[in-house]
């Protein structure tokens, strides 16, 4: 039987696959202000099927450049 963590990882992977755009594309949209800020952005990203933490990590990396 799969652990809860394994199931959660599977769900997250499926959501990211089905979301349509790459995390980097979404991160660029976040930087452009298309997803709002703070909790609003997190909620919108999650509802759209994206991992908000993964997107934020890419945003942070892109902002370092």
C-alpha atoms as a PDB file:
ATOM      1  CA  UNK A   1       0.000   0.000   0.000  1.00  0.00           C
ATOM      2  CA  UNK A   2       1.302   3.473  -0.917  1.00  0.00           C
ATOM      3  CA  UNK A   3       2.083   5.968   1.800  1.00  0.00           C
ATOM      4  CA  UNK A   4       0.156   9.223   2.032  1.00  0.00           C
ATOM      5  CA  UNK A   5       3.283  11.108   0.909  1.00  0.00           C
ATOM      6  CA  UNK A   6       3.577   8.930  -2.220  1.00  0.00           C
ATOM      7  CA  UNK A   7      -0.077   9.504  -3.071  1.00  0.00           C
ATOM      8  CA  UNK A   8       0.301  13.267  -2.566  1.00  0.00           C
ATOM      9  CA  UNK A   9       3.348  13.321  -4.856  1.00  0.00           C
ATOM     10  CA  UNK A  10       1.385  11.464  -7.525  1.00  0.00           C
ATOM     11  CA  UNK A  11      -1.508  13.904  -7.311  1.00  0.00           C
ATOM     12  CA  UNK A  12       0.840  16.889  -7.522  1.00  0.00           C
ATOM     13  CA  UNK A  13       2.597  15.408 -10.554  1.00  0.00           C
ATOM     14  CA  UNK A  14      -0.695  14.782 -12.344  1.00  0.00           C
ATOM     15  CA  UNK A  15      -1.898  18.310 -11.636  1.00  0.00           C
ATOM     16  CA  UNK A  16       1.345  19.801 -12.958  1.00  0.00           C
ATOM     17  CA  UNK A  17       1.175  17.623 -16.103  1.00  0.00           C
ATOM     18  CA  UNK A  18      -2.427  18.598 -16.768  1.00  0.00           C
ATOM     19  CA  UNK A  19      -1.960  22.277 -16.104  1.00  0.00           C
ATOM     20  CA  UNK A  20      -0.750  23.044 -19.627  1.00  0.00           C
ATOM     21  CA  UNK A  21       2.226  25.384 -19.168  1.00  0.00           C
ATOM     22  CA  UNK A  22       5.677  24.732 -17.793  1.00  0.00           C
ATOM     23  CA  UNK A  23       6.595  25.989 -14.349  1.00  0.00           C
ATOM     24  CA  UNK A  24       9.054  28.389 -15.980  1.00  0.00           C
ATOM     25  CA  UNK A  25       6.333  29.848 -18.223  1.00  0.00           C
ATOM     26  CA  UNK A  26       4.084  30.375 -15.214  1.00  0.00           C
ATOM     27  CA  UNK A  27       6.970  31.874 -13.226  1.00  0.00           C
ATOM     28  CA  UNK A  28       7.487  34.434 -15.987  1.00  0.00           C
ATOM     29  CA  UNK A  29       3.773  35.262 -15.856  1.00  0.00           C
ATOM     30  CA  UNK A  30       4.038  35.668 -12.068  1.00  0.00           C
ATOM     31  CA  UNK A  31       6.918  38.118 -12.545  1.00  0.00           C
ATOM     32  CA  UNK A  32       4.774  40.010 -15.071  1.00  0.00           C
ATOM     33  CA  UNK A  33       2.042  40.303 -12.424  1.00  0.00           C
ATOM     34  CA  UNK A  34      -0.532  38.115 -14.171  1.00  0.00           C
ATOM     35  CA  UNK A  35      -1.266  35.936 -11.107  1.00  0.00           C
ATOM     36  CA  UNK A  36      -1.608  38.544  -8.345  1.00  0.00           C
ATOM     37  CA  UNK A  37       0.452  38.618  -5.153  1.00  0.00           C
ATOM     38  CA  UNK A  38       0.698  36.783  -1.852  1.00  0.00           C
ATOM     39  CA  UNK A  39      -2.095  34.458  -0.800  1.00  0.00           C
ATOM     40  CA  UNK A  40      -4.186  35.469  -3.808  1.00  0.00           C
ATOM     41  CA  UNK A  41      -1.444  34.235  -6.164  1.00  0.00           C
ATOM     42  CA  UNK A  42      -0.967  31.011  -4.215  1.00  0.00           C
ATOM     43  CA  UNK A  43      -4.705  30.328  -4.360  1.00  0.00           C
ATOM     44  CA  UNK A  44      -4.960  31.079  -8.090  1.00  0.00           C
ATOM     45  CA  UNK A  45      -1.948  28.923  -8.941  1.00  0.00           C
ATOM     46  CA  UNK A  46      -3.227  26.028  -6.854  1.00  0.00           C
ATOM     47  CA  UNK A  47      -6.710  26.246  -8.331  1.00  0.00           C
ATOM     48  CA  UNK A  48      -5.174  26.246 -11.822  1.00  0.00           C
ATOM     49  CA  UNK A  49      -3.320  23.037 -10.992  1.00  0.00           C
ATOM     50  CA  UNK A  50       0.153  24.432 -10.361  1.00  0.00           C
ATOM     51  CA  UNK A  51       2.452  23.840  -7.404  1.00  0.00           C
ATOM     52  CA  UNK A  52       2.745  27.375  -6.025  1.00  0.00           C
ATOM     53  CA  UNK A  53       5.940  26.553  -4.080  1.00  0.00           C
ATOM     54  CA  UNK A  54       7.621  25.159  -7.204  1.00  0.00           C
ATOM     55  CA  UNK A  55       6.587  28.224  -9.187  1.00  0.00           C
ATOM     56  CA  UNK A  56       7.922  30.531  -6.461  1.00  0.00           C
ATOM     57  CA  UNK A  57      11.248  28.700  -6.471  1.00  0.00           C
ATOM     58  CA  UNK A  58      11.606  29.318 -10.216  1.00  0.00           C
ATOM     59  CA  UNK A  59      10.526  32.950  -9.765  1.00  0.00           C
ATOM     60  CA  UNK A  60      13.282  33.396  -7.187  1.00  0.00           C
ATOM     61  CA  UNK A  61      15.870  31.854  -9.527  1.00  0.00           C
ATOM     62  CA  UNK A  62      14.772  34.009 -12.467  1.00  0.00           C
ATOM     63  CA  UNK A  63      14.932  37.146 -10.336  1.00  0.00           C
ATOM     64  CA  UNK A  64      18.564  36.393  -9.436  1.00  0.00           C
ATOM     65  CA  UNK A  65      19.598  36.671 -13.104  1.00  0.00           C
END
